[in-house]
């Protein structure tokens, strides 16, 4: 799903934009995107940082 929506960087990691979309969009489509992103971010330091950046942007510090 991330690849189809051009939300991966050149190394195959989800872009911060992907996390922002997942946080700010409520739909069936974003539900599976959220699950995919958060599962991956729990296993990957780069994506964990991007998830945190997106959360800070959405909800403040």
C-alpha atoms as a PDB file:
ATOM      1  CA  UNK A   1       0.000   0.000   0.000  1.00  0.00           C
ATOM      2  CA  UNK A   2       2.803   2.441   0.856  1.00  0.00           C
ATOM      3  CA  UNK A   3       4.622   1.771  -2.392  1.00  0.00           C
ATOM      4  CA  UNK A   4       1.434   2.284  -4.410  1.00  0.00           C
ATOM      5  CA  UNK A   5       0.894   5.687  -2.797  1.00  0.00           C
ATOM      6  CA  UNK A   6       4.542   6.816  -3.258  1.00  0.00           C
ATOM      7  CA  UNK A   7       5.041   7.058   0.489  1.00  0.00           C
ATOM      8  CA  UNK A   8       8.393   5.265   0.699  1.00  0.00           C
ATOM      9  CA  UNK A   9      11.789   6.943   0.620  1.00  0.00           C
ATOM     10  CA  UNK A  10      14.662   5.716  -1.551  1.00  0.00           C
ATOM     11  CA  UNK A  11      15.696   3.190   1.115  1.00  0.00           C
ATOM     12  CA  UNK A  12      12.218   1.704   1.407  1.00  0.00           C
ATOM     13  CA  UNK A  13      11.251   3.379   4.676  1.00  0.00           C
ATOM     14  CA  UNK A  14       7.867   5.092   4.993  1.00  0.00           C
ATOM     15  CA  UNK A  15       8.169   8.866   4.660  1.00  0.00           C
ATOM     16  CA  UNK A  16       7.089  11.088   7.546  1.00  0.00           C
ATOM     17  CA  UNK A  17       4.195  12.098   5.282  1.00  0.00           C
ATOM     18  CA  UNK A  18       2.875   8.531   5.482  1.00  0.00           C
ATOM     19  CA  UNK A  19       2.629   8.768   9.258  1.00  0.00           C
ATOM     20  CA  UNK A  20       0.962  12.184   8.992  1.00  0.00           C
ATOM     21  CA  UNK A  21      -1.651  10.781   6.614  1.00  0.00           C
ATOM     22  CA  UNK A  22      -2.290   7.845   8.924  1.00  0.00           C
ATOM     23  CA  UNK A  23      -2.744  10.139  11.924  1.00  0.00           C
ATOM     24  CA  UNK A  24      -4.959  12.692  10.194  1.00  0.00           C
ATOM     25  CA  UNK A  25      -7.157  10.455   8.049  1.00  0.00           C
ATOM     26  CA  UNK A  26      -9.979   8.332   9.365  1.00  0.00           C
ATOM     27  CA  UNK A  27     -11.100   5.762   6.820  1.00  0.00           C
ATOM     28  CA  UNK A  28     -10.951   2.053   6.137  1.00  0.00           C
ATOM     29  CA  UNK A  29      -7.978   2.695   3.868  1.00  0.00           C
ATOM     30  CA  UNK A  30      -6.050   4.564   6.550  1.00  0.00           C
ATOM     31  CA  UNK A  31      -6.796   1.841   9.087  1.00  0.00           C
ATOM     32  CA  UNK A  32      -4.706  -0.710   7.215  1.00  0.00           C
ATOM     33  CA  UNK A  33      -2.097   1.977   6.514  1.00  0.00           C
ATOM     34  CA  UNK A  34      -1.905   2.752  10.235  1.00  0.00           C
ATOM     35  CA  UNK A  35      -1.488  -0.883  11.137  1.00  0.00           C
ATOM     36  CA  UNK A  36       1.277  -1.326   8.559  1.00  0.00           C
ATOM     37  CA  UNK A  37       3.092   1.832   9.673  1.00  0.00           C
ATOM     38  CA  UNK A  38       2.943   1.328  13.419  1.00  0.00           C
ATOM     39  CA  UNK A  39       3.960  -2.321  13.142  1.00  0.00           C
ATOM     40  CA  UNK A  40       6.971  -1.304  11.077  1.00  0.00           C
ATOM     41  CA  UNK A  41       7.869   1.668  13.286  1.00  0.00           C
ATOM     42  CA  UNK A  42       8.065  -0.629  16.308  1.00  0.00           C
ATOM     43  CA  UNK A  43      10.799  -2.593  14.527  1.00  0.00           C
ATOM     44  CA  UNK A  44      12.723   0.249  12.855  1.00  0.00           C
ATOM     45  CA  UNK A  45      14.530   3.163  14.540  1.00  0.00           C
ATOM     46  CA  UNK A  46      14.287   5.472  11.495  1.00  0.00           C
ATOM     47  CA  UNK A  47      10.545   4.938  11.234  1.00  0.00           C
ATOM     48  CA  UNK A  48      10.057   5.262  14.962  1.00  0.00           C
ATOM     49  CA  UNK A  49      11.595   8.750  14.735  1.00  0.00           C
ATOM     50  CA  UNK A  50       9.382   9.623  11.769  1.00  0.00           C
ATOM     51  CA  UNK A  51       6.295   8.437  13.629  1.00  0.00           C
ATOM     52  CA  UNK A  52       7.243  10.598  16.601  1.00  0.00           C
ATOM     53  CA  UNK A  53       7.783  13.621  14.318  1.00  0.00           C
ATOM     54  CA  UNK A  54       4.351  13.126  12.780  1.00  0.00           C
ATOM     55  CA  UNK A  55       2.710  12.771  16.198  1.00  0.00           C
ATOM     56  CA  UNK A  56       4.389  15.954  17.451  1.00  0.00           C
ATOM     57  CA  UNK A  57       3.258  17.806  14.342  1.00  0.00           C
ATOM     58  CA  UNK A  58      -0.314  16.565  14.754  1.00  0.00           C
ATOM     59  CA  UNK A  59      -0.672  16.971  18.513  1.00  0.00           C
ATOM     60  CA  UNK A  60       2.107  19.331  19.563  1.00  0.00           C
ATOM     61  CA  UNK A  61       5.060  18.588  21.788  1.00  0.00           C
END
